[in-house]
Amino acid sequence: MHALVALATIAFAASARAESASPPSEPEGYRMENYRAPAPATLKGAAVIDTATAFDLWRAKTAAFIDALPHAPKPEGLPKNVVWREQPRFDVPGSVWLPDTGYGALSETTERYLIKGLAKASGGDTSRPLVFYCLANCWMSWNAAKRALKLGYTHVLWYPEGTDGWAAAKHPLEEAKPEPRE
């Protein structure tokens, strides 16, 4: 009897681990919190691509790459004697970095910033392929790609491995600066 209970407990624990390892399902809306967590394997209306496909698109220059990773600004009110060293961001070369556009709720200013940034990246062509990324296990690019679909972009590609997958494949990276805001 004890052996059966122990076996059932082990089976239940293995099942729970397997469930926690599977990606979550897509929410109806945007992810609103806990952005650094496993993301879904899909994005309705978009194509999900891997590192090899992202690299092929980048090398062929057939898509615009959009980084949605947030950017930590210099804190206001720092004492004058404190040295602020901004954390560098390394992107897929040629990307447009539109930080803070992957949060679940955007201010009007940030939404306008996204709209202008996407128009610039796409050359105003809503059918141009747009590859959205940030880091692995990050919802920011998922949310930003979903917003692009809502804005009428028709060839949205989501690259969930982001710069983590890109760097692991030893593809080139370049230091990036955020697209300027108004």
C-alpha atoms as a PDB file:
ATOM      1  CA  MET A   1       0.000   0.000   0.000  1.00  0.00           C
ATOM      2  CA  HIS A   2       2.766   2.443   0.939  1.00  0.00           C
ATOM      3  CA  ALA A   3       4.538   1.662  -2.322  1.00  0.00           C
ATOM      4  CA  LEU A   4       1.391   2.558  -4.291  1.00  0.00           C
ATOM      5  CA  VAL A   5       1.027   5.853  -2.441  1.00  0.00           C
ATOM      6  CA  ALA A   6       4.692   6.664  -3.020  1.00  0.00           C
ATOM      7  CA  LEU A   7       4.364   5.766  -6.711  1.00  0.00           C
ATOM      8  CA  ALA A   8       1.229   7.908  -7.069  1.00  0.00           C
ATOM      9  CA  THR A   9       2.996  10.821  -5.341  1.00  0.00           C
ATOM     10  CA  ILE A  10       5.966  10.540  -7.694  1.00  0.00           C
ATOM     11  CA  ALA A  11       3.663  10.373 -10.736  1.00  0.00           C
ATOM     12  CA  PHE A  12       1.725  13.433  -9.547  1.00  0.00           C
ATOM     13  CA  ALA A  13       4.944  15.406  -8.978  1.00  0.00           C
ATOM     14  CA  ALA A  14       6.240  14.463 -12.443  1.00  0.00           C
ATOM     15  CA  SER A  15       2.925  15.505 -13.976  1.00  0.00           C
ATOM     16  CA  ALA A  16       3.024  18.855 -12.166  1.00  0.00           C
ATOM     17  CA  ARG A  17       6.597  19.465 -13.392  1.00  0.00           C
ATOM     18  CA  ALA A  18       5.570  18.632 -16.969  1.00  0.00           C
ATOM     19  CA  GLU A  19       2.608  21.018 -16.745  1.00  0.00           C
ATOM     20  CA  SER A  20       4.762  23.828 -15.374  1.00  0.00           C
ATOM     21  CA  ALA A  21       7.292  23.280 -18.196  1.00  0.00           C
ATOM     22  CA  SER A  22       4.672  23.658 -20.933  1.00  0.00           C
ATOM     23  CA  PRO A  23       4.105  27.181 -22.204  1.00  0.00           C
ATOM     24  CA  PRO A  24       1.081  29.080 -20.925  1.00  0.00           C
ATOM     25  CA  SER A  25      -1.885  29.640 -23.217  1.00  0.00           C
ATOM     26  CA  GLU A  26      -2.469  33.005 -24.859  1.00  0.00           C
ATOM     27  CA  PRO A  27      -4.481  35.483 -22.798  1.00  0.00           C
ATOM     28  CA  GLU A  28      -7.380  37.290 -24.452  1.00  0.00           C
ATOM     29  CA  GLY A  29      -5.782  40.679 -23.867  1.00  0.00           C
ATOM     30  CA  TYR A  30      -2.264  41.798 -23.035  1.00  0.00           C
ATOM     31  CA  ARG A  31      -0.069  40.435 -20.277  1.00  0.00           C
ATOM     32  CA  MET A  32      -0.409  42.981 -17.476  1.00  0.00           C
ATOM     33  CA  GLU A  33       2.262  41.879 -14.974  1.00  0.00           C
ATOM     34  CA  ASN A  34       5.151  39.485 -14.353  1.00  0.00           C
ATOM     35  CA  TYR A  35       6.650  40.193 -17.788  1.00  0.00           C
ATOM     36  CA  ARG A  36       9.749  38.019 -17.213  1.00  0.00           C
ATOM     37  CA  ALA A  37       8.033  34.654 -17.268  1.00  0.00           C
ATOM     38  CA  PRO A  38       7.473  31.877 -19.784  1.00  0.00           C
ATOM     39  CA  ALA A  39       5.378  33.188 -22.668  1.00  0.00           C
ATOM     40  CA  PRO A  40       2.958  31.302 -24.918  1.00  0.00           C
ATOM     41  CA  ALA A  41       4.262  29.331 -27.888  1.00  0.00           C
ATOM     42  CA  THR A  42       1.816  31.164 -30.161  1.00  0.00           C
ATOM     43  CA  LEU A  43       0.497  34.613 -30.980  1.00  0.00           C
ATOM     44  CA  LYS A  44      -2.802  34.585 -32.875  1.00  0.00           C
ATOM     45  CA  GLY A  45      -2.424  36.426 -36.173  1.00  0.00           C
ATOM     46  CA  ALA A  46       1.385  36.374 -36.100  1.00  0.00           C
ATOM     47  CA  ALA A  47       4.020  33.865 -37.145  1.00  0.00           C
ATOM     48  CA  VAL A  48       6.343  32.605 -34.411  1.00  0.00           C
ATOM     49  CA  ILE A  49       9.919  32.251 -35.643  1.00  0.00           C
ATOM     50  CA  ASP A  50      13.087  30.667 -34.310  1.00  0.00           C
ATOM     51  CA  THR A  51      16.666  31.942 -34.348  1.00  0.00           C
ATOM     52  CA  ALA A  52      17.542  30.375 -37.710  1.00  0.00           C
ATOM     53  CA  THR A  53      14.539  32.022 -39.395  1.00  0.00           C
ATOM     54  CA  ALA A  54      15.226  35.361 -37.701  1.00  0.00           C
ATOM     55  CA  PHE A  55      18.830  35.212 -38.890  1.00  0.00           C
ATOM     56  CA  ASP A  56      17.753  34.421 -42.468  1.00  0.00           C
ATOM     57  CA  LEU A  57      15.345  37.386 -42.463  1.00  0.00           C
ATOM     58  CA  TRP A  58      18.014  39.670 -41.001  1.00  0.00           C
ATOM     59  CA  ARG A  59      20.684  38.555 -43.459  1.00  0.00           C
ATOM     60  CA  ALA A  60      18.299  38.999 -46.419  1.00  0.00           C
ATOM     61  CA  LYS A  61      17.209  42.416 -45.049  1.00  0.00           C
ATOM     62  CA  THR A  62      13.581  41.512 -45.744  1.00  0.00           C
ATOM     63  CA  ALA A  63      12.156  42.456 -42.348  1.00  0.00           C
ATOM     64  CA  ALA A  64      12.412  45.277 -39.846  1.00  0.00           C
ATOM     65  CA  PHE A  65      13.478  44.179 -36.362  1.00  0.00           C
ATOM     66  CA  ILE A  66      11.760  45.787 -33.371  1.00  0.00           C
ATOM     67  CA  ASP A  67      13.138  45.457 -29.837  1.00  0.00           C
ATOM     68  CA  ALA A  68      10.504  46.018 -27.143  1.00  0.00           C
ATOM     69  CA  LEU A  69      12.723  45.614 -24.070  1.00  0.00           C
ATOM     70  CA  PRO A  70      12.135  48.327 -21.449  1.00  0.00           C
ATOM     71  CA  HIS A  71      14.780  50.979 -20.865  1.00  0.00           C
ATOM     72  CA  ALA A  72      15.694  52.112 -17.381  1.00  0.00           C
ATOM     73  CA  PRO A  73      16.102  55.895 -17.479  1.00  0.00           C
ATOM     74  CA  LYS A  74      18.487  57.808 -15.281  1.00  0.00           C
ATOM     75  CA  PRO A  75      16.716  58.151 -11.937  1.00  0.00           C
ATOM     76  CA  GLU A  76      15.474  61.633 -11.179  1.00  0.00           C
ATOM     77  CA  GLY A  77      16.941  63.384  -8.184  1.00  0.00           C
ATOM     78  CA  LEU A  78      20.282  61.563  -8.125  1.00  0.00           C
ATOM     79  CA  PRO A  79      22.788  63.476  -6.037  1.00  0.00           C
ATOM     80  CA  LYS A  80      25.377  65.274  -8.193  1.00  0.00           C
ATOM     81  CA  ASN A  81      28.215  63.164  -6.804  1.00  0.00           C
ATOM     82  CA  VAL A  82      26.576  59.857  -7.869  1.00  0.00           C
ATOM     83  CA  VAL A  83      27.871  58.384 -11.099  1.00  0.00           C
ATOM     84  CA  TRP A  84      25.106  56.972 -13.305  1.00  0.00           C
ATOM     85  CA  ARG A  85      26.174  54.227 -15.661  1.00  0.00           C
ATOM     86  CA  GLU A  86      23.463  53.206 -18.041  1.00  0.00           C
ATOM     87  CA  GLN A  87      23.211  49.467 -18.667  1.00  0.00           C
ATOM     88  CA  PRO A  88      24.123  48.930 -22.330  1.00  0.00           C
ATOM     89  CA  ARG A  89      21.643  47.120 -24.580  1.00  0.00           C
ATOM     90  CA  PHE A  90      22.947  44.946 -27.386  1.00  0.00           C
ATOM     91  CA  ASP A  91      20.515  44.361 -30.240  1.00  0.00           C
ATOM     92  CA  VAL A  92      20.220  42.585 -33.523  1.00  0.00           C
ATOM     93  CA  PRO A  93      22.086  45.022 -35.831  1.00  0.00           C
ATOM     94  CA  GLY A  94      19.799  47.513 -37.546  1.00  0.00           C
ATOM     95  CA  SER A  95      16.940  47.061 -35.075  1.00  0.00           C
ATOM     96  CA  VAL A  96      14.659  49.827 -33.907  1.00  0.00           C
ATOM     97  CA  TRP A  97      14.499  49.846 -30.111  1.00  0.00           C
ATOM     98  CA  LEU A  98      11.072  50.986 -28.915  1.00  0.00           C
ATOM     99  CA  PRO A  99      11.392  50.533 -25.154  1.00  0.00           C
ATOM    100  CA  ASP A 100       8.407  50.330 -22.853  1.00  0.00           C
ATOM    101  CA  THR A 101       6.015  49.516 -25.725  1.00  0.00           C
ATOM    102  CA  GLY A 102       5.453  45.982 -24.476  1.00  0.00           C
ATOM    103  CA  TYR A 103       3.764  46.756 -21.190  1.00  0.00           C
ATOM    104  CA  GLY A 104       0.181  45.583 -20.815  1.00  0.00           C
ATOM    105  CA  ALA A 105      -1.204  49.100 -20.555  1.00  0.00           C
ATOM    106  CA  LEU A 106       0.354  52.032 -22.403  1.00  0.00           C
ATOM    107  CA  SER A 107      -0.021  55.725 -21.812  1.00  0.00           C
ATOM    108  CA  GLU A 108      -1.228  57.776 -24.792  1.00  0.00           C
ATOM    109  CA  THR A 109       2.301  59.137 -25.174  1.00  0.00           C
ATOM    110  CA  THR A 110       3.861  55.664 -25.295  1.00  0.00           C
ATOM    111  CA  GLU A 111       1.200  54.424 -27.710  1.00  0.00           C
ATOM    112  CA  ARG A 112       1.933  57.371 -30.054  1.00  0.00           C
ATOM    113  CA  TYR A 113       5.644  56.587 -29.704  1.00  0.00           C
ATOM    114  CA  LEU A 114       4.955  52.982 -30.765  1.00  0.00           C
ATOM    115  CA  ILE A 115       2.802  54.072 -33.721  1.00  0.00           C
ATOM    116  CA  LYS A 116       5.476  56.486 -34.958  1.00  0.00           C
ATOM    117  CA  GLY A 117       8.267  53.966 -34.385  1.00  0.00           C
ATOM    118  CA  LEU A 118       6.469  51.233 -36.312  1.00  0.00           C
ATOM    119  CA  ALA A 119       5.700  53.625 -39.158  1.00  0.00           C
ATOM    120  CA  LYS A 120       9.379  54.539 -39.341  1.00  0.00           C
ATOM    121  CA  ALA A 121      10.582  50.929 -39.153  1.00  0.00           C
ATOM    122  CA  SER A 122       8.104  49.779 -41.792  1.00  0.00           C
ATOM    123  CA  GLY A 123       8.542  52.768 -44.075  1.00  0.00           C
ATOM    124  CA  GLY A 124       4.792  53.278 -43.712  1.00  0.00           C
ATOM    125  CA  ASP A 125       4.092  49.873 -45.303  1.00  0.00           C
ATOM    126  CA  THR A 126       1.733  47.919 -43.010  1.00  0.00           C
ATOM    127  CA  SER A 127       2.500  44.746 -44.986  1.00  0.00           C
ATOM    128  CA  ARG A 128       6.270  44.912 -44.386  1.00  0.00           C
ATOM    129  CA  PRO A 129       7.473  42.024 -42.211  1.00  0.00           C
ATOM    130  CA  LEU A 130       8.145  43.174 -38.645  1.00  0.00           C
ATOM    131  CA  VAL A 131      10.094  40.934 -36.261  1.00  0.00           C
ATOM    132  CA  PHE A 132       9.361  41.659 -32.581  1.00  0.00           C
ATOM    133  CA  TYR A 133      11.731  40.490 -29.863  1.00  0.00           C
ATOM    134  CA  CYS A 134      13.268  41.268 -26.479  1.00  0.00           C
ATOM    135  CA  LEU A 135      14.694  38.462 -24.297  1.00  0.00           C
ATOM    136  CA  ALA A 136      13.776  34.818 -23.793  1.00  0.00           C
ATOM    137  CA  ASN A 137      10.867  34.372 -21.380  1.00  0.00           C
ATOM    138  CA  CYS A 138       9.748  37.958 -21.824  1.00  0.00           C
ATOM    139  CA  TRP A 139       6.219  39.071 -22.578  1.00  0.00           C
ATOM    140  CA  MET A 140       7.245  42.541 -23.767  1.00  0.00           C
ATOM    141  CA  SER A 141       7.736  41.484 -27.382  1.00  0.00           C
ATOM    142  CA  TRP A 142       4.565  39.376 -27.298  1.00  0.00           C
ATOM    143  CA  ASN A 143       2.514  42.371 -26.147  1.00  0.00           C
ATOM    144  CA  ALA A 144       4.177  44.736 -28.663  1.00  0.00           C
ATOM    145  CA  ALA A 145       3.624  42.294 -31.547  1.00  0.00           C
ATOM    146  CA  LYS A 146      -0.021  41.888 -30.527  1.00  0.00           C
ATOM    147  CA  ARG A 147      -0.376  45.688 -30.569  1.00  0.00           C
ATOM    148  CA  ALA A 148       1.109  45.852 -34.076  1.00  0.00           C
ATOM    149  CA  LEU A 149      -1.555  43.400 -35.237  1.00  0.00           C
ATOM    150  CA  LYS A 150      -4.240  45.587 -33.663  1.00  0.00           C
ATOM    151  CA  LEU A 151      -2.731  48.606 -35.459  1.00  0.00           C
ATOM    152  CA  GLY A 152      -3.228  46.862 -38.807  1.00  0.00           C
ATOM    153  CA  TYR A 153       0.209  45.424 -39.515  1.00  0.00           C
ATOM    154  CA  THR A 154      -0.341  42.260 -41.526  1.00  0.00           C
ATOM    155  CA  HIS A 155       3.040  40.515 -41.501  1.00  0.00           C
ATOM    156  CA  VAL A 156       3.927  40.345 -37.817  1.00  0.00           C
ATOM    157  CA  LEU A 157       6.592  37.881 -36.731  1.00  0.00           C
ATOM    158  CA  TRP A 158       7.334  37.146 -33.098  1.00  0.00           C
ATOM    159  CA  TYR A 159      10.824  35.961 -32.139  1.00  0.00           C
ATOM    160  CA  PRO A 160      10.439  34.729 -28.538  1.00  0.00           C
ATOM    161  CA  GLU A 161      14.093  33.679 -28.110  1.00  0.00           C
ATOM    162  CA  GLY A 162      15.132  37.323 -28.568  1.00  0.00           C
ATOM    163  CA  THR A 163      18.685  38.463 -28.057  1.00  0.00           C
ATOM    164  CA  ASP A 164      19.290  35.504 -25.734  1.00  0.00           C
ATOM    165  CA  GLY A 165      18.757  33.077 -28.618  1.00  0.00           C
ATOM    166  CA  TRP A 166      20.565  35.374 -31.058  1.00  0.00           C
ATOM    167  CA  ALA A 167      23.652  35.614 -28.838  1.00  0.00           C
ATOM    168  CA  ALA A 168      23.628  31.867 -28.088  1.00  0.00           C
ATOM    169  CA  ALA A 169      23.828  31.252 -31.856  1.00  0.00           C
ATOM    170  CA  LYS A 170      26.823  33.628 -31.924  1.00  0.00           C
ATOM    171  CA  HIS A 171      25.131  36.048 -34.323  1.00  0.00           C
ATOM    172  CA  PRO A 172      26.363  39.651 -34.308  1.00  0.00           C
ATOM    173  CA  LEU A 173      25.001  42.168 -31.841  1.00  0.00           C
ATOM    174  CA  GLU A 174      25.471  45.926 -31.689  1.00  0.00           C
ATOM    175  CA  GLU A 175      25.049  48.397 -28.883  1.00  0.00           C
ATOM    176  CA  ALA A 176      21.689  50.090 -29.247  1.00  0.00           C
ATOM    177  CA  LYS A 177      20.104  53.331 -28.158  1.00  0.00           C
ATOM    178  CA  PRO A 178      16.349  53.759 -27.827  1.00  0.00           C
ATOM    179  CA  GLU A 179      14.468  55.419 -30.661  1.00  0.00           C
ATOM    180  CA  PRO A 180      14.192  59.061 -29.562  1.00  0.00           C
ATOM    181  CA  ARG A 181      10.916  60.225 -28.041  1.00  0.00           C
ATOM    182  CA  GLU A 182       9.269  63.550 -28.794  1.00  0.00           C
END
